[in-house]
Amino acid sequence: VQLQASGGGLVQAGGSLRLSCAASGRTFSSYAMAWFRQAPGKEREFVAGVARTGGRISYADSVKGRFALSRDNARNTMYLQMNNLKPEDTAVYYCAGDPSVITSSQRMAAQYDDWGQGTLVTVSS
């Protein structure tokens, strides 16, 4: 599946953004999906993941309570609502998917074969 992430931008601390990940193809519903992020000079890290049906969602501790992941299989789209953003949330955000991932909590980037191009989120203090 081909993935296209969008929705990044510049926001002040405490603000909100909503990222979208649009998938092409008819097999989106068979993919577990996730959001990762990579800050300058740092490794790519897991942000949130969702199982194929959307029933189970997992979050990194650093975003729990502030970010909300959702997916709409009818629209082949995944979202990440980001509230109360902090400067440390500044990063390029990537969406990823893989049909062989069976849980929402797969945090290893190498387990996902399909990646979007990334969208930059910058949070100013």
PDB file of N, CA and C in Angstrom:
ATOM      1  N   VAL A   1       0.853  -1.183   0.000  1.00  0.00           N
ATOM      2  CA  VAL A   1       0.000   0.000   0.000  1.00  0.00           C
ATOM      3  C   VAL A   1       0.895   1.242   0.000  1.00  0.00           C
ATOM      4  N   GLN A   2       0.465   2.252  -0.741  1.00  0.00           N
ATOM      5  CA  GLN A   2       1.207   3.520  -0.762  1.00  0.00           C
ATOM      6  C   GLN A   2       0.591   4.479   0.242  1.00  0.00           C
ATOM      7  N   LEU A   3       1.455   5.159   0.991  1.00  0.00           N
ATOM      8  CA  LEU A   3       0.991   6.021   2.078  1.00  0.00           C
ATOM      9  C   LEU A   3       1.426   7.455   1.837  1.00  0.00           C
ATOM     10  N   GLN A   4       0.545   8.387   2.174  1.00  0.00           N
ATOM     11  CA  GLN A   4       0.832   9.813   2.011  1.00  0.00           C
ATOM     12  C   GLN A   4       0.436  10.520   3.298  1.00  0.00           C
ATOM     13  N   ALA A   5       1.432  11.042   4.004  1.00  0.00           N
ATOM     14  CA  ALA A   5       1.180  11.767   5.246  1.00  0.00           C
ATOM     15  C   ALA A   5       1.043  13.261   4.960  1.00  0.00           C
ATOM     16  N   SER A   6       0.184  13.911   5.715  1.00  0.00           N
ATOM     17  CA  SER A   6      -0.011  15.346   5.561  1.00  0.00           C
ATOM     18  C   SER A   6      -0.508  15.944   6.872  1.00  0.00           C
ATOM     19  N   GLY A   7      -0.520  17.267   6.933  1.00  0.00           N
ATOM     20  CA  GLY A   7      -1.089  17.949   8.085  1.00  0.00           C
ATOM     21  C   GLY A   7      -0.087  18.593   9.018  1.00  0.00           C
ATOM     22  N   GLY A   8       1.190  18.406   8.769  1.00  0.00           N
ATOM     23  CA  GLY A   8       2.194  19.019   9.635  1.00  0.00           C
ATOM     24  C   GLY A   8       2.229  20.529   9.474  1.00  0.00           C
ATOM     25  N   GLY A   9       2.969  21.178  10.347  1.00  0.00           N
ATOM     26  CA  GLY A   9       3.091  22.627  10.276  1.00  0.00           C
ATOM     27  C   GLY A   9       3.767  23.181  11.507  1.00  0.00           C
ATOM     28  N   LEU A  10       3.710  24.495  11.614  1.00  0.00           N
ATOM     29  CA  LEU A  10       4.293  25.204  12.752  1.00  0.00           C
ATOM     30  C   LEU A  10       3.181  25.603  13.709  1.00  0.00           C
ATOM     31  N   VAL A  11       3.362  25.278  14.976  1.00  0.00           N
ATOM     32  CA  VAL A  11       2.339  25.585  15.981  1.00  0.00           C
ATOM     33  C   VAL A  11       3.031  25.973  17.275  1.00  0.00           C
ATOM     34  N   GLN A  12       2.376  26.810  18.051  1.00  0.00           N
ATOM     35  CA  GLN A  12       2.926  27.190  19.348  1.00  0.00           C
ATOM     36  C   GLN A  12       2.680  26.095  20.379  1.00  0.00           C
ATOM     37  N   ALA A  13       3.518  26.067  21.374  1.00  0.00           N
ATOM     38  CA  ALA A  13       3.332  25.116  22.470  1.00  0.00           C
ATOM     39  C   ALA A  13       1.927  25.261  23.036  1.00  0.00           C
ATOM     40  N   GLY A  14       1.295  24.119  23.293  1.00  0.00           N
ATOM     41  CA  GLY A  14      -0.077  24.112  23.770  1.00  0.00           C
ATOM     42  C   GLY A  14      -1.115  24.015  22.666  1.00  0.00           C
ATOM     43  N   GLY A  15      -0.674  24.167  21.441  1.00  0.00           N
ATOM     44  CA  GLY A  15      -1.591  24.105  20.313  1.00  0.00           C
ATOM     45  C   GLY A  15      -1.869  22.686  19.854  1.00  0.00           C
ATOM     46  N   SER A  16      -2.607  22.596  18.759  1.00  0.00           N
ATOM     47  CA  SER A  16      -3.034  21.298  18.232  1.00  0.00           C
ATOM     48  C   SER A  16      -2.782  21.216  16.734  1.00  0.00           C
ATOM     49  N   LEU A  17      -2.598  19.997  16.283  1.00  0.00           N
ATOM     50  CA  LEU A  17      -2.519  19.678  14.858  1.00  0.00           C
ATOM     51  C   LEU A  17      -3.160  18.327  14.637  1.00  0.00           C
ATOM     52  N   ARG A  18      -3.645  18.117  13.427  1.00  0.00           N
ATOM     53  CA  ARG A  18      -4.193  16.814  13.048  1.00  0.00           C
ATOM     54  C   ARG A  18      -3.468  16.325  11.810  1.00  0.00           C
ATOM     55  N   LEU A  19      -2.792  15.204  11.959  1.00  0.00           N
ATOM     56  CA  LEU A  19      -2.113  14.587  10.836  1.00  0.00           C
ATOM     57  C   LEU A  19      -3.026  13.563  10.177  1.00  0.00           C
ATOM     58  N   SER A  20      -2.852  13.419   8.871  1.00  0.00           N
ATOM     59  CA  SER A  20      -3.599  12.417   8.125  1.00  0.00           C
ATOM     60  C   SER A  20      -2.621  11.536   7.363  1.00  0.00           C
ATOM     61  N   CYS A  21      -3.017  10.304   7.171  1.00  0.00           N
ATOM     62  CA  CYS A  21      -2.234   9.364   6.374  1.00  0.00           C
ATOM     63  C   CYS A  21      -3.199   8.676   5.418  1.00  0.00           C
ATOM     64  N   ALA A  22      -3.122   9.039   4.156  1.00  0.00           N
ATOM     65  CA  ALA A  22      -4.009   8.476   3.145  1.00  0.00           C
ATOM     66  C   ALA A  22      -3.320   7.301   2.478  1.00  0.00           C
ATOM     67  N   ALA A  23      -4.050   6.209   2.348  1.00  0.00           N
ATOM     68  CA  ALA A  23      -3.504   4.993   1.759  1.00  0.00           C
ATOM     69  C   ALA A  23      -4.179   4.712   0.429  1.00  0.00           C
ATOM     70  N   SER A  24      -3.401   4.266  -0.510  1.00  0.00           N
ATOM     71  CA  SER A  24      -3.955   3.839  -1.787  1.00  0.00           C
ATOM     72  C   SER A  24      -4.076   2.328  -1.772  1.00  0.00           C
ATOM     73  N   GLY A  25      -4.939   1.811  -2.587  1.00  0.00           N
ATOM     74  CA  GLY A  25      -5.098   0.368  -2.649  1.00  0.00           C
ATOM     75  C   GLY A  25      -6.282  -0.103  -1.836  1.00  0.00           C
ATOM     76  N   ARG A  26      -6.660  -1.336  -2.063  1.00  0.00           N
ATOM     77  CA  ARG A  26      -7.867  -1.878  -1.449  1.00  0.00           C
ATOM     78  C   ARG A  26      -7.590  -2.692  -0.196  1.00  0.00           C
ATOM     79  N   THR A  27      -6.316  -2.774   0.213  1.00  0.00           N
ATOM     80  CA  THR A  27      -5.984  -3.674   1.309  1.00  0.00           C
ATOM     81  C   THR A  27      -5.694  -2.936   2.612  1.00  0.00           C
ATOM     82  N   PHE A  28      -6.056  -1.645   2.680  1.00  0.00           N
ATOM     83  CA  PHE A  28      -5.750  -0.857   3.871  1.00  0.00           C
ATOM     84  C   PHE A  28      -6.273  -1.521   5.128  1.00  0.00           C
ATOM     85  N   SER A  29      -7.448  -2.091   5.064  1.00  0.00           N
ATOM     86  CA  SER A  29      -8.062  -2.672   6.254  1.00  0.00           C
ATOM     87  C   SER A  29      -7.337  -3.910   6.758  1.00  0.00           C
ATOM     88  N   SER A  30      -6.450  -4.453   5.959  1.00  0.00           N
ATOM     89  CA  SER A  30      -5.697  -5.630   6.392  1.00  0.00           C
ATOM     90  C   SER A  30      -4.336  -5.259   6.974  1.00  0.00           C
ATOM     91  N   TYR A  31      -4.086  -3.958   7.081  1.00  0.00           N
ATOM     92  CA  TYR A  31      -2.806  -3.470   7.583  1.00  0.00           C
ATOM     93  C   TYR A  31      -2.935  -2.952   9.009  1.00  0.00           C
ATOM     94  N   ALA A  32      -2.050  -3.386   9.874  1.00  0.00           N
ATOM     95  CA  ALA A  32      -1.847  -2.640  11.113  1.00  0.00           C
ATOM     96  C   ALA A  32      -1.069  -1.375  10.732  1.00  0.00           C
ATOM     97  N   MET A  33      -1.400  -0.280  11.390  1.00  0.00           N
ATOM     98  CA  MET A  33      -0.818   1.017  11.035  1.00  0.00           C
ATOM     99  C   MET A  33      -0.186   1.663  12.263  1.00  0.00           C
ATOM    100  N   ALA A  34       0.721   2.575  12.010  1.00  0.00           N
ATOM    101  CA  ALA A  34       1.385   3.258  13.118  1.00  0.00           C
ATOM    102  C   ALA A  34       1.904   4.621  12.681  1.00  0.00           C
ATOM    103  N   TRP A  35       2.105   5.462  13.664  1.00  0.00           N
ATOM    104  CA  TRP A  35       2.805   6.723  13.486  1.00  0.00           C
ATOM    105  C   TRP A  35       4.154   6.625  14.203  1.00  0.00           C
ATOM    106  N   PHE A  36       5.192   7.065  13.521  1.00  0.00           N
ATOM    107  CA  PHE A  36       6.517   7.204  14.106  1.00  0.00           C
ATOM    108  C   PHE A  36       6.945   8.658  13.934  1.00  0.00           C
ATOM    109  N   ARG A  37       7.968   9.041  14.654  1.00  0.00           N
ATOM    110  CA  ARG A  37       8.535  10.375  14.462  1.00  0.00           C
ATOM    111  C   ARG A  37      10.045  10.314  14.621  1.00  0.00           C
ATOM    112  N   GLN A  38      10.688  11.277  13.986  1.00  0.00           N
ATOM    113  CA  GLN A  38      12.142  11.347  14.068  1.00  0.00           C
ATOM    114  C   GLN A  38      12.562  12.794  14.197  1.00  0.00           C
ATOM    115  N   ALA A  39      13.152  13.107  15.329  1.00  0.00           N
ATOM    116  CA  ALA A  39      13.688  14.440  15.574  1.00  0.00           C
ATOM    117  C   ALA A  39      15.130  14.510  15.066  1.00  0.00           C
ATOM    118  N   PRO A  40      15.629  15.696  14.773  1.00  0.00           N
ATOM    119  CA  PRO A  40      17.008  15.822  14.279  1.00  0.00           C
ATOM    120  C   PRO A  40      18.003  15.185  15.231  1.00  0.00           C
ATOM    121  N   GLY A  41      18.854  14.334  14.680  1.00  0.00           N
ATOM    122  CA  GLY A  41      19.896  13.709  15.483  1.00  0.00           C
ATOM    123  C   GLY A  41      19.426  12.564  16.356  1.00  0.00           C
ATOM    124  N   LYS A  42      18.165  12.193  16.216  1.00  0.00           N
ATOM    125  CA  LYS A  42      17.625  11.115  17.049  1.00  0.00           C
ATOM    126  C   LYS A  42      17.114   9.978  16.180  1.00  0.00           C
ATOM    127  N   GLU A  43      16.932   8.828  16.809  1.00  0.00           N
ATOM    128  CA  GLU A  43      16.398   7.677  16.104  1.00  0.00           C
ATOM    129  C   GLU A  43      14.892   7.824  15.921  1.00  0.00           C
ATOM    130  N   ARG A  44      14.387   7.134  14.930  1.00  0.00           N
ATOM    131  CA  ARG A  44      12.940   7.133  14.704  1.00  0.00           C
ATOM    132  C   ARG A  44      12.282   6.399  15.875  1.00  0.00           C
ATOM    133  N   GLU A  45      11.216   6.980  16.388  1.00  0.00           N
ATOM    134  CA  GLU A  45      10.560   6.373  17.553  1.00  0.00           C
ATOM    135  C   GLU A  45       9.073   6.192  17.309  1.00  0.00           C
ATOM    136  N   PHE A  46       8.546   5.180  17.935  1.00  0.00           N
ATOM    137  CA  PHE A  46       7.124   4.856  17.858  1.00  0.00           C
ATOM    138  C   PHE A  46       6.321   5.918  18.592  1.00  0.00           C
ATOM    139  N   VAL A  47       5.231   6.341  17.985  1.00  0.00           N
ATOM    140  CA  VAL A  47       4.322   7.302  18.609  1.00  0.00           C
ATOM    141  C   VAL A  47       3.010   6.628  18.994  1.00  0.00           C
ATOM    142  N   ALA A  48       2.410   5.949  18.033  1.00  0.00           N
ATOM    143  CA  ALA A  48       1.126   5.287  18.288  1.00  0.00           C
ATOM    144  C   ALA A  48       0.883   4.257  17.199  1.00  0.00           C
ATOM    145  N   GLY A  49       0.125   3.217  17.552  1.00  0.00           N
ATOM    146  CA  GLY A  49      -0.182   2.178  16.591  1.00  0.00           C
ATOM    147  C   GLY A  49      -1.614   1.695  16.754  1.00  0.00           C
ATOM    148  N   VAL A  50      -2.138   1.149  15.678  1.00  0.00           N
ATOM    149  CA  VAL A  50      -3.525   0.668  15.694  1.00  0.00           C
ATOM    150  C   VAL A  50      -3.600  -0.658  14.952  1.00  0.00           C
ATOM    151  N   ALA A  51      -4.399  -1.564  15.510  1.00  0.00           N
ATOM    152  CA  ALA A  51      -4.609  -2.854  14.877  1.00  0.00           C
ATOM    153  C   ALA A  51      -5.455  -2.693  13.621  1.00  0.00           C
ATOM    154  N   ARG A  52      -5.618  -3.760  12.888  1.00  0.00           N
ATOM    155  CA  ARG A  52      -6.270  -3.698  11.575  1.00  0.00           C
ATOM    156  C   ARG A  52      -7.676  -3.151  11.648  1.00  0.00           C
ATOM    157  N   THR A  53      -8.418  -3.586  12.647  1.00  0.00           N
ATOM    158  CA  THR A  53      -9.817  -3.173  12.744  1.00  0.00           C
ATOM    159  C   THR A  53      -9.994  -1.852  13.477  1.00  0.00           C
ATOM    160  N   GLY A  54      -8.940  -1.355  14.072  1.00  0.00           N
ATOM    161  CA  GLY A  54      -9.033  -0.106  14.828  1.00  0.00           C
ATOM    162  C   GLY A  54      -9.455  -0.292  16.260  1.00  0.00           C
ATOM    163  N   GLY A  55      -9.669  -1.540  16.676  1.00  0.00           N
ATOM    164  CA  GLY A  55     -10.159  -1.771  18.022  1.00  0.00           C
ATOM    165  C   GLY A  55      -9.128  -1.548  19.107  1.00  0.00           C
ATOM    166  N   ARG A  56      -7.872  -1.787  18.778  1.00  0.00           N
ATOM    167  CA  ARG A  56      -6.822  -1.625  19.780  1.00  0.00           C
ATOM    168  C   ARG A  56      -5.838  -0.572  19.329  1.00  0.00           C
ATOM    169  N   ILE A  57      -5.521   0.352  20.218  1.00  0.00           N
ATOM    170  CA  ILE A  57      -4.592   1.431  19.927  1.00  0.00           C
ATOM    171  C   ILE A  57      -3.573   1.504  21.060  1.00  0.00           C
ATOM    172  N   SER A  58      -2.318   1.679  20.700  1.00  0.00           N
ATOM    173  CA  SER A  58      -1.248   1.805  21.685  1.00  0.00           C
ATOM    174  C   SER A  58      -0.527   3.134  21.482  1.00  0.00           C
ATOM    175  N   TYR A  59      -0.043   3.688  22.588  1.00  0.00           N
ATOM    176  CA  TYR A  59       0.648   4.972  22.543  1.00  0.00           C
ATOM    177  C   TYR A  59       1.974   4.895  23.276  1.00  0.00           C
ATOM    178  N   ALA A  60       2.917   5.691  22.808  1.00  0.00           N
ATOM    179  CA  ALA A  60       4.134   5.898  23.581  1.00  0.00           C
ATOM    180  C   ALA A  60       3.781   6.684  24.833  1.00  0.00           C
ATOM    181  N   ASP A  61       4.509   6.424  25.895  1.00  0.00           N
ATOM    182  CA  ASP A  61       4.208   7.109  27.154  1.00  0.00           C
ATOM    183  C   ASP A  61       4.308   8.628  27.011  1.00  0.00           C
ATOM    184  N   SER A  62       5.187   9.085  26.147  1.00  0.00           N
ATOM    185  CA  SER A  62       5.427  10.521  26.010  1.00  0.00           C
ATOM    186  C   SER A  62       4.248  11.272  25.393  1.00  0.00           C
ATOM    187  N   VAL A  63       3.340  10.547  24.739  1.00  0.00           N
ATOM    188  CA  VAL A  63       2.212  11.226  24.081  1.00  0.00           C
ATOM    189  C   VAL A  63       0.867  10.793  24.651  1.00  0.00           C
ATOM    190  N   LYS A  64       0.889   9.835  25.543  1.00  0.00           N
ATOM    191  CA  LYS A  64      -0.359   9.316  26.101  1.00  0.00           C
ATOM    192  C   LYS A  64      -1.146  10.437  26.785  1.00  0.00           C
ATOM    193  N   GLY A  65      -2.421  10.520  26.467  1.00  0.00           N
ATOM    194  CA  GLY A  65      -3.261  11.557  27.045  1.00  0.00           C
ATOM    195  C   GLY A  65      -3.288  12.844  26.248  1.00  0.00           C
ATOM    196  N   ARG A  66      -2.373  12.982  25.297  1.00  0.00           N
ATOM    197  CA  ARG A  66      -2.327  14.200  24.460  1.00  0.00           C
ATOM    198  C   ARG A  66      -2.638  13.900  23.001  1.00  0.00           C
ATOM    199  N   PHE A  67      -2.228  12.739  22.530  1.00  0.00           N
ATOM    200  CA  PHE A  67      -2.425  12.356  21.131  1.00  0.00           C
ATOM    201  C   PHE A  67      -3.522  11.298  21.044  1.00  0.00           C
ATOM    202  N   ALA A  68      -4.237  11.305  19.933  1.00  0.00           N
ATOM    203  CA  ALA A  68      -5.277  10.306  19.697  1.00  0.00           C
ATOM    204  C   ALA A  68      -5.196   9.823  18.261  1.00  0.00           C
ATOM    205  N   LEU A  69      -5.008   8.537  18.108  1.00  0.00           N
ATOM    206  CA  LEU A  69      -4.949   7.912  16.775  1.00  0.00           C
ATOM    207  C   LEU A  69      -6.313   7.339  16.438  1.00  0.00           C
ATOM    208  N   SER A  70      -6.690   7.474  15.199  1.00  0.00           N
ATOM    209  CA  SER A  70      -7.919   6.840  14.717  1.00  0.00           C
ATOM    210  C   SER A  70      -7.705   6.415  13.272  1.00  0.00           C
ATOM    211  N   ARG A  71      -8.537   5.498  12.826  1.00  0.00           N
ATOM    212  CA  ARG A  71      -8.473   5.069  11.430  1.00  0.00           C
ATOM    213  C   ARG A  71      -9.877   4.929  10.887  1.00  0.00           C
ATOM    214  N   ASP A  72     -10.012   5.223   9.616  1.00  0.00           N
ATOM    215  CA  ASP A  72     -11.290   5.089   8.917  1.00  0.00           C
ATOM    216  C   ASP A  72     -11.032   4.166   7.734  1.00  0.00           C
ATOM    217  N   ASN A  73     -11.343   2.908   7.893  1.00  0.00           N
ATOM    218  CA  ASN A  73     -11.052   1.945   6.826  1.00  0.00           C
ATOM    219  C   ASN A  73     -11.897   2.208   5.579  1.00  0.00           C
ATOM    220  N   ALA A  74     -13.049   2.796   5.744  1.00  0.00           N
ATOM    221  CA  ALA A  74     -13.890   3.104   4.586  1.00  0.00           C
ATOM    222  C   ALA A  74     -13.254   4.200   3.722  1.00  0.00           C
ATOM    223  N   ARG A  75     -12.453   5.053   4.347  1.00  0.00           N
ATOM    224  CA  ARG A  75     -11.793   6.143   3.616  1.00  0.00           C
ATOM    225  C   ARG A  75     -10.301   5.888   3.428  1.00  0.00           C
ATOM    226  N   ASN A  76      -9.845   4.699   3.831  1.00  0.00           N
ATOM    227  CA  ASN A  76      -8.421   4.363   3.680  1.00  0.00           C
ATOM    228  C   ASN A  76      -7.523   5.435   4.300  1.00  0.00           C
ATOM    229  N   THR A  77      -7.886   5.899   5.469  1.00  0.00           N
ATOM    230  CA  THR A  77      -7.153   6.995   6.078  1.00  0.00           C
ATOM    231  C   THR A  77      -6.952   6.760   7.574  1.00  0.00           C
ATOM    232  N   MET A  78      -5.792   7.142   8.045  1.00  0.00           N
ATOM    233  CA  MET A  78      -5.476   7.120   9.468  1.00  0.00           C
ATOM    234  C   MET A  78      -5.187   8.555   9.901  1.00  0.00           C
ATOM    235  N   TYR A  79      -5.525   8.855  11.133  1.00  0.00           N
ATOM    236  CA  TYR A  79      -5.341  10.204  11.648  1.00  0.00           C
ATOM    237  C   TYR A  79      -4.541  10.188  12.955  1.00  0.00           C
ATOM    238  N   LEU A  80      -3.924  11.309  13.247  1.00  0.00           N
ATOM    239  CA  LEU A  80      -3.298  11.503  14.548  1.00  0.00           C
ATOM    240  C   LEU A  80      -3.653  12.906  15.022  1.00  0.00           C
ATOM    241  N   GLN A  81      -4.546  12.977  15.989  1.00  0.00           N
ATOM    242  CA  GLN A  81      -4.906  14.249  16.595  1.00  0.00           C
ATOM    243  C   GLN A  81      -3.904  14.533  17.710  1.00  0.00           C
ATOM    244  N   MET A  82      -3.221  15.649  17.596  1.00  0.00           N
ATOM    245  CA  MET A  82      -2.180  15.995  18.556  1.00  0.00           C
ATOM    246  C   MET A  82      -2.586  17.265  19.296  1.00  0.00           C
ATOM    247  N   ASN A  83      -2.794  17.134  20.590  1.00  0.00           N
ATOM    248  CA  ASN A  83      -3.198  18.259  21.426  1.00  0.00           C
ATOM    249  C   ASN A  83      -2.111  18.578  22.449  1.00  0.00           C
ATOM    250  N   ASN A  84      -2.183  19.785  22.992  1.00  0.00           N
ATOM    251  CA  ASN A  84      -1.221  20.216  24.005  1.00  0.00           C
ATOM    252  C   ASN A  84       0.212  19.914  23.563  1.00  0.00           C
ATOM    253  N   LEU A  85       0.533  20.346  22.363  1.00  0.00           N
ATOM    254  CA  LEU A  85       1.845  20.054  21.804  1.00  0.00           C
ATOM    255  C   LEU A  85       2.952  20.743  22.579  1.00  0.00           C
ATOM    256  N   LYS A  86       4.081  20.073  22.636  1.00  0.00           N
ATOM    257  CA  LYS A  86       5.254  20.567  23.359  1.00  0.00           C
ATOM    258  C   LYS A  86       6.421  20.709  22.391  1.00  0.00           C
ATOM    259  N   PRO A  87       7.384  21.562  22.708  1.00  0.00           N
ATOM    260  CA  PRO A  87       8.554  21.696  21.816  1.00  0.00           C
ATOM    261  C   PRO A  87       9.240  20.359  21.550  1.00  0.00           C
ATOM    262  N   GLU A  88       9.224  19.467  22.516  1.00  0.00           N
ATOM    263  CA  GLU A  88       9.874  18.166  22.307  1.00  0.00           C
ATOM    264  C   GLU A  88       9.107  17.254  21.360  1.00  0.00           C
ATOM    265  N   ASP A  89       7.932  17.670  20.931  1.00  0.00           N
ATOM    266  CA  ASP A  89       7.189  16.925  19.903  1.00  0.00           C
ATOM    267  C   ASP A  89       7.654  17.280  18.498  1.00  0.00           C
ATOM    268  N   THR A  90       8.535  18.263  18.387  1.00  0.00           N
ATOM    269  CA  THR A  90       9.043  18.668  17.079  1.00  0.00           C
ATOM    270  C   THR A  90       9.786  17.509  16.422  1.00  0.00           C
ATOM    271  N   ALA A  91       9.358  17.163  15.222  1.00  0.00           N
ATOM    272  CA  ALA A  91       9.943  16.018  14.514  1.00  0.00           C
ATOM    273  C   ALA A  91       9.278  15.896  13.143  1.00  0.00           C
ATOM    274  N   VAL A  92       9.860  15.053  12.319  1.00  0.00           N
ATOM    275  CA  VAL A  92       9.166  14.600  11.111  1.00  0.00           C
ATOM    276  C   VAL A  92       8.340  13.382  11.507  1.00  0.00           C
ATOM    277  N   TYR A  93       7.058  13.434  11.192  1.00  0.00           N
ATOM    278  CA  TYR A  93       6.142  12.352  11.537  1.00  0.00           C
ATOM    279  C   TYR A  93       5.882  11.490  10.308  1.00  0.00           C
ATOM    280  N   TYR A  94       6.012  10.191  10.493  1.00  0.00           N
ATOM    281  CA  TYR A  94       5.821   9.231   9.428  1.00  0.00           C
ATOM    282  C   TYR A  94       4.672   8.279   9.767  1.00  0.00           C
ATOM    283  N   CYS A  95       3.889   7.938   8.759  1.00  0.00           N
ATOM    284  CA  CYS A  95       2.943   6.854   8.954  1.00  0.00           C
ATOM    285  C   CYS A  95       3.527   5.590   8.319  1.00  0.00           C
ATOM    286  N   ALA A  96       3.171   4.481   8.893  1.00  0.00           N
ATOM    287  CA  ALA A  96       3.712   3.201   8.444  1.00  0.00           C
ATOM    288  C   ALA A  96       2.642   2.139   8.558  1.00  0.00           C
ATOM    289  N   GLY A  97       2.776   1.105   7.746  1.00  0.00           N
ATOM    290  CA  GLY A  97       1.812   0.018   7.786  1.00  0.00           C
ATOM    291  C   GLY A  97       2.441  -1.282   7.353  1.00  0.00           C
ATOM    292  N   ASP A  98       1.834  -2.359   7.784  1.00  0.00           N
ATOM    293  CA  ASP A  98       2.313  -3.672   7.375  1.00  0.00           C
ATOM    294  C   ASP A  98       1.218  -4.708   7.611  1.00  0.00           C
ATOM    295  N   PRO A  99       0.963  -5.581   6.652  1.00  0.00           N
ATOM    296  CA  PRO A  99      -0.096  -6.580   6.826  1.00  0.00           C
ATOM    297  C   PRO A  99       0.292  -7.725   7.751  1.00  0.00           C
ATOM    298  N   SER A 100       1.579  -7.865   8.015  1.00  0.00           N
ATOM    299  CA  SER A 100       1.991  -8.970   8.882  1.00  0.00           C
ATOM    300  C   SER A 100       2.094  -8.570  10.347  1.00  0.00           C
ATOM    301  N   VAL A 101       1.965  -7.281  10.629  1.00  0.00           N
ATOM    302  CA  VAL A 101       1.940  -6.833  12.021  1.00  0.00           C
ATOM    303  C   VAL A 101       0.549  -7.099  12.560  1.00  0.00           C
ATOM    304  N   ILE A 102       0.474  -7.792  13.692  1.00  0.00           N
ATOM    305  CA  ILE A 102      -0.833  -8.213  14.172  1.00  0.00           C
ATOM    306  C   ILE A 102      -1.269  -7.492  15.435  1.00  0.00           C
ATOM    307  N   THR A 103      -0.421  -6.648  15.978  1.00  0.00           N
ATOM    308  CA  THR A 103      -0.810  -5.948  17.195  1.00  0.00           C
ATOM    309  C   THR A 103      -0.704  -4.448  16.986  1.00  0.00           C
ATOM    310  N   SER A 104      -1.303  -3.707  17.895  1.00  0.00           N
ATOM    311  CA  SER A 104      -1.215  -2.254  17.850  1.00  0.00           C
ATOM    312  C   SER A 104       0.053  -1.739  18.513  1.00  0.00           C
ATOM    313  N   SER A 105       0.784  -2.630  19.181  1.00  0.00           N
ATOM    314  CA  SER A 105       1.894  -2.188  20.007  1.00  0.00           C
ATOM    315  C   SER A 105       3.261  -2.527  19.422  1.00  0.00           C
ATOM    316  N   GLN A 106       3.306  -2.833  18.139  1.00  0.00           N
ATOM    317  CA  GLN A 106       4.597  -3.128  17.503  1.00  0.00           C
ATOM    318  C   GLN A 106       5.380  -1.823  17.361  1.00  0.00           C
ATOM    319  N   ARG A 107       6.448  -1.696  18.139  1.00  0.00           N
ATOM    320  CA  ARG A 107       7.181  -0.435  18.225  1.00  0.00           C
ATOM    321  C   ARG A 107       8.462  -0.414  17.413  1.00  0.00           C
ATOM    322  N   MET A 108       8.768  -1.520  16.762  1.00  0.00           N
ATOM    323  CA  MET A 108       9.996  -1.589  15.982  1.00  0.00           C
ATOM    324  C   MET A 108       9.727  -1.126  14.556  1.00  0.00           C
ATOM    325  N   ALA A 109      10.382  -0.056  14.148  1.00  0.00           N
ATOM    326  CA  ALA A 109      10.160   0.489  12.813  1.00  0.00           C
ATOM    327  C   ALA A 109      10.478  -0.528  11.724  1.00  0.00           C
ATOM    328  N   ALA A 110      11.444  -1.393  11.982  1.00  0.00           N
ATOM    329  CA  ALA A 110      11.850  -2.365  10.966  1.00  0.00           C
ATOM    330  C   ALA A 110      10.767  -3.382  10.642  1.00  0.00           C
ATOM    331  N   GLN A 111       9.755  -3.489  11.499  1.00  0.00           N
ATOM    332  CA  GLN A 111       8.671  -4.447  11.264  1.00  0.00           C
ATOM    333  C   GLN A 111       7.644  -3.931  10.253  1.00  0.00           C
ATOM    334  N   TYR A 112       7.737  -2.659   9.897  1.00  0.00           N
ATOM    335  CA  TYR A 112       6.778  -2.071   8.962  1.00  0.00           C
ATOM    336  C   TYR A 112       7.428  -1.902   7.593  1.00  0.00           C
ATOM    337  N   ASP A 113       6.803  -2.437   6.569  1.00  0.00           N
ATOM    338  CA  ASP A 113       7.371  -2.374   5.219  1.00  0.00           C
ATOM    339  C   ASP A 113       6.995  -1.111   4.464  1.00  0.00           C
ATOM    340  N   ASP A 114       5.818  -0.590   4.706  1.00  0.00           N
ATOM    341  CA  ASP A 114       5.306   0.531   3.915  1.00  0.00           C
ATOM    342  C   ASP A 114       5.335   1.816   4.737  1.00  0.00           C
ATOM    343  N   TRP A 115       5.876   2.873   4.131  1.00  0.00           N
ATOM    344  CA  TRP A 115       6.065   4.146   4.825  1.00  0.00           C
ATOM    345  C   TRP A 115       5.595   5.309   3.962  1.00  0.00           C
ATOM    346  N   GLY A 116       5.033   6.292   4.613  1.00  0.00           N
ATOM    347  CA  GLY A 116       4.751   7.553   3.952  1.00  0.00           C
ATOM    348  C   GLY A 116       5.997   8.409   3.919  1.00  0.00           C
ATOM    349  N   GLN A 117       5.907   9.557   3.270  1.00  0.00           N
ATOM    350  CA  GLN A 117       7.085  10.385   3.056  1.00  0.00           C
ATOM    351  C   GLN A 117       7.434  11.266   4.249  1.00  0.00           C
ATOM    352  N   GLY A 118       6.558  11.388   5.209  1.00  0.00           N
ATOM    353  CA  GLY A 118       6.832  12.206   6.392  1.00  0.00           C
ATOM    354  C   GLY A 118       6.268  13.603   6.267  1.00  0.00           C
ATOM    355  N   THR A 119       5.840  14.134   7.391  1.00  0.00           N
ATOM    356  CA  THR A 119       5.359  15.512   7.440  1.00  0.00           C
ATOM    357  C   THR A 119       5.961  16.175   8.674  1.00  0.00           C
ATOM    358  N   LEU A 120       6.462  17.385   8.511  1.00  0.00           N
ATOM    359  CA  LEU A 120       7.209  18.057   9.569  1.00  0.00           C
ATOM    360  C   LEU A 120       6.278  18.782  10.526  1.00  0.00           C
ATOM    361  N   VAL A 121       6.462  18.516  11.796  1.00  0.00           N
ATOM    362  CA  VAL A 121       5.747  19.216  12.860  1.00  0.00           C
ATOM    363  C   VAL A 121       6.770  20.002  13.668  1.00  0.00           C
ATOM    364  N   THR A 122       6.558  21.294  13.772  1.00  0.00           N
ATOM    365  CA  THR A 122       7.451  22.154  14.530  1.00  0.00           C
ATOM    366  C   THR A 122       6.646  22.859  15.609  1.00  0.00           C
ATOM    367  N   VAL A 123       7.061  22.688  16.854  1.00  0.00           N
ATOM    368  CA  VAL A 123       6.356  23.306  17.973  1.00  0.00           C
ATOM    369  C   VAL A 123       7.285  24.345  18.591  1.00  0.00           C
ATOM    370  N   SER A 124       6.848  25.578  18.576  1.00  0.00           N
ATOM    371  CA  SER A 124       7.667  26.659  19.135  1.00  0.00           C
ATOM    372  C   SER A 124       7.299  26.909  20.590  1.00  0.00           C
ATOM    373  N   SER A 125       8.287  27.313  21.358  1.00  0.00           N
ATOM    374  CA  SER A 125       8.046  27.566  22.790  1.00  0.00           C
ATOM    375  C   SER A 125       7.614  29.000  23.043  1.00  0.00           C
TER     376      SER A 125
END
